[in-house]
Structures are given as structure tokens and as C-alpha cells.
Amino acid sequence: MSLGLLLENKVLIAVMAGWLVAQALKIPTEYLRSRRWMWAMFFAAGGMPSSHTALLVAGTLAVGLYHGFDNPLFGIAVAVTMIVAHDASGVRRQAGKHAERINVLFDELLQGHMWSENELKEVIGHTPLEVIGGIILGLLVGVVQWLIWP
């Protein structure tokens, strides 16, 4: 498959645009939250908006707009999007809360002792608001792309 054909894949472009815009938006939204510029947020999991949700919503909408909402692929895309959005705010969020509590336990139990292990990553999931932000962003990316590149 040539690069030219790959760049003509409108669904792939929507997916990548959804992810790229979501990751870029994490930098200013983190600044608004913490009043610190954290450029590494571009590569981070978690944060506002959910890039997993944004990329799948953009891709799902692109499948519907470009290939038809009656296409079976649209149905599969909706199902996968629902699973990922639920996982982002459910299972991954709970894992982040567990990591946060385990880190507190380590701090309390090992105060004064050297601990060579890295702390567990606490921000691996999303709040429901971050997932909703990803849904809205994905819809915007999909519609804007379709208006520009029908």
C-alpha cells in the first residue's frame, strides 16, 4: 500500500486528527488546572479530553459519514467506541484510584526507608467529564473534516 493511498483513507485521517487534537488540548487544559505548563502531557494517558474516546468517536462518525450509517462497519465502530469510552471512565479510572491509594500506603509504611521502586501511575483513566470532552471533540473533528473534505 502506497503512502498516497494511505493519505486518501478519510477514516484514518479522522482517527489520527482526533487523537492529535485531543493530545494537544491536554497541554492547555492541564495549565488551566495546575497553572503549570506541562509539555509532556502531549504524550500522557489521562487528562482532558480523553484522546482514546476522541479518536474513536471521530473514526466512528467518519465511517458513518463516508461509508453510510447503514454500513455494518459503522455498527462495529459504535460498539468498539462504547467499550473504549466505558473502559476509559470505568476500569482504567478505578485502576488509577487503586494506584493512588497504594502509593499513599507505601509512603505511610516506608517513611524514612529508601524505596527503589517507582510509584504506580495514578492518572491512567478518565473522569466522566474527560470522556464527554473526548466525545464532543471527536464529533467536532469528524464533522469539520467531512465539511472540508466531503
C-alpha atoms as a PDB file:
ATOM      1  CA  MET A   1       0.000   0.000   0.000  1.00  0.00           C
ATOM      2  CA  SER A   2       1.474   3.330  -1.015  1.00  0.00           C
ATOM      3  CA  LEU A   3       1.586   6.423   1.180  1.00  0.00           C
ATOM      4  CA  GLY A   4      -0.724   8.216  -1.263  1.00  0.00           C
ATOM      5  CA  LEU A   5      -3.452   5.609  -0.786  1.00  0.00           C
ATOM      6  CA  LEU A   6      -2.962   5.753   2.955  1.00  0.00           C
ATOM      7  CA  LEU A   7      -3.445   9.526   2.926  1.00  0.00           C
ATOM      8  CA  GLU A   8      -6.700   9.085   0.992  1.00  0.00           C
ATOM      9  CA  ASN A   9      -8.160   6.983   3.813  1.00  0.00           C
ATOM     10  CA  LYS A  10     -10.540   9.566   5.260  1.00  0.00           C
ATOM     11  CA  VAL A  11     -11.455   7.430   8.266  1.00  0.00           C
ATOM     12  CA  LEU A  12      -7.790   7.003   9.186  1.00  0.00           C
ATOM     13  CA  ILE A  13      -7.216  10.747   8.815  1.00  0.00           C
ATOM     14  CA  ALA A  14     -10.208  11.445  11.118  1.00  0.00           C
ATOM     15  CA  VAL A  15      -8.885   8.976  13.712  1.00  0.00           C
ATOM     16  CA  MET A  16      -5.399  10.494  13.674  1.00  0.00           C
ATOM     17  CA  ALA A  17      -6.764  14.066  13.738  1.00  0.00           C
ATOM     18  CA  GLY A  18      -8.993  13.211  16.709  1.00  0.00           C
ATOM     19  CA  TRP A  19      -6.034  11.791  18.631  1.00  0.00           C
ATOM     20  CA  LEU A  20      -3.647  14.622  17.682  1.00  0.00           C
ATOM     21  CA  VAL A  21      -6.067  17.413  18.623  1.00  0.00           C
ATOM     22  CA  ALA A  22      -7.022  15.693  21.899  1.00  0.00           C
ATOM     23  CA  GLN A  23      -3.388  15.193  22.916  1.00  0.00           C
ATOM     24  CA  ALA A  24      -2.550  18.805  22.014  1.00  0.00           C
ATOM     25  CA  LEU A  25      -5.510  20.099  24.057  1.00  0.00           C
ATOM     26  CA  LYS A  26      -4.221  18.294  27.160  1.00  0.00           C
ATOM     27  CA  ILE A  27      -1.421  20.861  27.474  1.00  0.00           C
ATOM     28  CA  PRO A  28      -3.600  23.991  27.898  1.00  0.00           C
ATOM     29  CA  THR A  29      -6.265  22.166  29.918  1.00  0.00           C
ATOM     30  CA  GLU A  30      -3.574  20.940  32.324  1.00  0.00           C
ATOM     31  CA  TYR A  31      -2.273  24.513  32.544  1.00  0.00           C
ATOM     32  CA  LEU A  32      -5.752  25.747  33.461  1.00  0.00           C
ATOM     33  CA  ARG A  33      -5.949  23.062  36.153  1.00  0.00           C
ATOM     34  CA  SER A  34      -2.451  23.334  37.666  1.00  0.00           C
ATOM     35  CA  ARG A  35      -1.142  26.722  36.444  1.00  0.00           C
ATOM     36  CA  ARG A  36       1.955  24.929  35.119  1.00  0.00           C
ATOM     37  CA  TRP A  37       2.895  24.275  31.512  1.00  0.00           C
ATOM     38  CA  MET A  38       3.457  20.539  31.285  1.00  0.00           C
ATOM     39  CA  TRP A  39       4.523  19.813  27.706  1.00  0.00           C
ATOM     40  CA  ALA A  40       4.831  16.098  28.476  1.00  0.00           C
ATOM     41  CA  MET A  41       1.024  15.960  28.675  1.00  0.00           C
ATOM     42  CA  PHE A  42       1.093  15.607  24.882  1.00  0.00           C
ATOM     43  CA  PHE A  43       2.287  12.025  25.414  1.00  0.00           C
ATOM     44  CA  ALA A  44       0.356  11.311  28.618  1.00  0.00           C
ATOM     45  CA  ALA A  45      -2.560   8.975  29.224  1.00  0.00           C
ATOM     46  CA  GLY A  46      -5.417  10.500  31.185  1.00  0.00           C
ATOM     47  CA  GLY A  47      -6.318  14.157  31.293  1.00  0.00           C
ATOM     48  CA  MET A  48      -8.804  16.345  29.466  1.00  0.00           C
ATOM     49  CA  PRO A  49     -10.026  15.409  26.895  1.00  0.00           C
ATOM     50  CA  SER A  50      -9.901  11.628  26.545  1.00  0.00           C
ATOM     51  CA  SER A  51      -7.861  11.027  23.396  1.00  0.00           C
ATOM     52  CA  HIS A  52      -8.966   7.382  23.204  1.00  0.00           C
ATOM     53  CA  THR A  53     -12.586   8.484  23.113  1.00  0.00           C
ATOM     54  CA  ALA A  54     -11.927  11.391  20.724  1.00  0.00           C
ATOM     55  CA  LEU A  55     -10.107   9.247  18.170  1.00  0.00           C
ATOM     56  CA  LEU A  56     -12.760   6.522  18.198  1.00  0.00           C
ATOM     57  CA  VAL A  57     -15.713   8.907  18.041  1.00  0.00           C
ATOM     58  CA  ALA A  58     -14.060  10.774  15.140  1.00  0.00           C
ATOM     59  CA  GLY A  59     -13.378   7.483  13.361  1.00  0.00           C
ATOM     60  CA  THR A  60     -16.868   6.108  14.004  1.00  0.00           C
ATOM     61  CA  LEU A  61     -18.503   9.280  12.718  1.00  0.00           C
ATOM     62  CA  ALA A  62     -16.194   9.239   9.671  1.00  0.00           C
ATOM     63  CA  VAL A  63     -17.259   5.654   8.886  1.00  0.00           C
ATOM     64  CA  GLY A  64     -20.891   6.759   9.029  1.00  0.00           C
ATOM     65  CA  LEU A  65     -20.405   9.943   7.014  1.00  0.00           C
ATOM     66  CA  TYR A  66     -18.158   8.468   4.312  1.00  0.00           C
ATOM     67  CA  HIS A  67     -19.474   4.915   4.057  1.00  0.00           C
ATOM     68  CA  GLY A  68     -23.026   5.178   5.339  1.00  0.00           C
ATOM     69  CA  PHE A  69     -24.685   4.853   8.712  1.00  0.00           C
ATOM     70  CA  ASP A  70     -26.299   1.640   7.444  1.00  0.00           C
ATOM     71  CA  ASN A  71     -22.874   0.062   6.809  1.00  0.00           C
ATOM     72  CA  PRO A  72     -22.129  -2.867   9.164  1.00  0.00           C
ATOM     73  CA  LEU A  73     -18.706  -1.319   9.857  1.00  0.00           C
ATOM     74  CA  PHE A  74     -20.476   1.640  11.440  1.00  0.00           C
ATOM     75  CA  GLY A  75     -22.219  -0.728  13.853  1.00  0.00           C
ATOM     76  CA  ILE A  76     -18.942  -2.386  14.803  1.00  0.00           C
ATOM     77  CA  ALA A  77     -17.300   1.024  15.227  1.00  0.00           C
ATOM     78  CA  VAL A  78     -20.099   2.169  17.562  1.00  0.00           C
ATOM     79  CA  ALA A  79     -19.688  -0.974  19.668  1.00  0.00           C
ATOM     80  CA  VAL A  80     -15.907  -0.559  19.969  1.00  0.00           C
ATOM     81  CA  THR A  81     -16.318   3.136  20.776  1.00  0.00           C
ATOM     82  CA  MET A  82     -18.792   2.352  23.554  1.00  0.00           C
ATOM     83  CA  ILE A  83     -16.448  -0.239  25.067  1.00  0.00           C
ATOM     84  CA  VAL A  84     -13.440   2.100  25.000  1.00  0.00           C
ATOM     85  CA  ALA A  85     -15.388   5.053  26.443  1.00  0.00           C
ATOM     86  CA  HIS A  86     -16.751   2.860  29.237  1.00  0.00           C
ATOM     87  CA  ASP A  87     -13.313   1.410  29.926  1.00  0.00           C
ATOM     88  CA  ALA A  88     -11.681   4.871  29.969  1.00  0.00           C
ATOM     89  CA  SER A  89     -14.000   6.144  32.691  1.00  0.00           C
ATOM     90  CA  GLY A  90     -14.588   2.843  34.455  1.00  0.00           C
ATOM     91  CA  VAL A  91     -11.887   0.200  34.698  1.00  0.00           C
ATOM     92  CA  ARG A  92      -8.918   2.467  33.967  1.00  0.00           C
ATOM     93  CA  ARG A  93     -10.238   5.145  36.341  1.00  0.00           C
ATOM     94  CA  GLN A  94     -10.568   2.598  39.147  1.00  0.00           C
ATOM     95  CA  ALA A  95      -7.055   1.305  38.469  1.00  0.00           C
ATOM     96  CA  GLY A  96      -5.785   4.879  38.842  1.00  0.00           C
ATOM     97  CA  LYS A  97      -7.605   5.255  42.175  1.00  0.00           C
ATOM     98  CA  HIS A  98      -6.091   1.988  43.384  1.00  0.00           C
ATOM     99  CA  ALA A  99      -2.623   3.170  42.359  1.00  0.00           C
ATOM    100  CA  GLU A 100      -3.170   6.425  44.260  1.00  0.00           C
ATOM    101  CA  ARG A 101      -4.125   4.586  47.462  1.00  0.00           C
ATOM    102  CA  ILE A 102      -1.284   2.070  47.128  1.00  0.00           C
ATOM    103  CA  ASN A 103       1.183   4.952  46.752  1.00  0.00           C
ATOM    104  CA  VAL A 104      -0.177   6.521  49.964  1.00  0.00           C
ATOM    105  CA  LEU A 105       0.213   3.146  51.700  1.00  0.00           C
ATOM    106  CA  PHE A 106       3.838   2.903  50.550  1.00  0.00           C
ATOM    107  CA  ASP A 107       4.501   6.422  51.837  1.00  0.00           C
ATOM    108  CA  GLU A 108       2.990   5.627  55.236  1.00  0.00           C
ATOM    109  CA  LEU A 109       4.606   2.216  55.640  1.00  0.00           C
ATOM    110  CA  LEU A 110       8.037   3.091  54.339  1.00  0.00           C
ATOM    111  CA  GLN A 111       8.559   6.565  55.780  1.00  0.00           C
ATOM    112  CA  GLY A 112      12.204   7.032  56.390  1.00  0.00           C
ATOM    113  CA  HIS A 113      13.199   3.990  54.373  1.00  0.00           C
ATOM    114  CA  MET A 114      14.647   4.075  50.883  1.00  0.00           C
ATOM    115  CA  TRP A 115      12.317   2.589  48.297  1.00  0.00           C
ATOM    116  CA  SER A 116      13.778   1.824  44.910  1.00  0.00           C
ATOM    117  CA  GLU A 117      10.531   1.074  43.069  1.00  0.00           C
ATOM    118  CA  ASN A 118       8.827   3.782  41.011  1.00  0.00           C
ATOM    119  CA  GLU A 119       5.440   4.968  42.133  1.00  0.00           C
ATOM    120  CA  LEU A 120       2.470   3.491  40.343  1.00  0.00           C
ATOM    121  CA  LYS A 121       0.981   5.660  37.611  1.00  0.00           C
ATOM    122  CA  GLU A 122      -2.124   7.265  39.095  1.00  0.00           C
ATOM    123  CA  VAL A 123      -3.555   9.051  36.071  1.00  0.00           C
ATOM    124  CA  ILE A 124      -4.389   6.171  33.753  1.00  0.00           C
ATOM    125  CA  GLY A 125      -8.124   6.685  33.455  1.00  0.00           C
ATOM    126  CA  HIS A 126     -10.561   9.489  32.853  1.00  0.00           C
ATOM    127  CA  THR A 127     -13.323  11.183  34.746  1.00  0.00           C
ATOM    128  CA  PRO A 128     -16.734  11.054  33.058  1.00  0.00           C
ATOM    129  CA  LEU A 129     -16.267  14.741  32.136  1.00  0.00           C
ATOM    130  CA  GLU A 130     -12.992  13.968  30.343  1.00  0.00           C
ATOM    131  CA  VAL A 131     -14.729  11.184  28.380  1.00  0.00           C
ATOM    132  CA  ILE A 132     -17.573  13.558  27.461  1.00  0.00           C
ATOM    133  CA  GLY A 133     -14.922  16.054  26.349  1.00  0.00           C
ATOM    134  CA  GLY A 134     -13.445  13.339  24.130  1.00  0.00           C
ATOM    135  CA  ILE A 135     -16.874  12.537  22.670  1.00  0.00           C
ATOM    136  CA  ILE A 136     -17.566  16.189  21.851  1.00  0.00           C
ATOM    137  CA  LEU A 137     -14.091  16.682  20.379  1.00  0.00           C
ATOM    138  CA  GLY A 138     -14.425  13.516  18.279  1.00  0.00           C
ATOM    139  CA  LEU A 139     -17.770  14.689  16.910  1.00  0.00           C
ATOM    140  CA  LEU A 140     -16.310  18.102  16.073  1.00  0.00           C
ATOM    141  CA  VAL A 141     -13.266  16.610  14.339  1.00  0.00           C
ATOM    142  CA  GLY A 142     -15.429  14.220  12.304  1.00  0.00           C
ATOM    143  CA  VAL A 143     -17.895  16.905  11.209  1.00  0.00           C
ATOM    144  CA  VAL A 144     -15.236  19.520  10.427  1.00  0.00           C
ATOM    145  CA  GLN A 145     -13.247  17.031   8.358  1.00  0.00           C
ATOM    146  CA  TRP A 146     -16.383  15.971   6.466  1.00  0.00           C
ATOM    147  CA  LEU A 147     -17.282  19.626   5.764  1.00  0.00           C
ATOM    148  CA  ILE A 148     -13.748  20.346   4.497  1.00  0.00           C
ATOM    149  CA  TRP A 149     -13.230  17.025   2.693  1.00  0.00           C
ATOM    150  CA  PRO A 150     -16.601  15.556   1.672  1.00  0.00           C
END
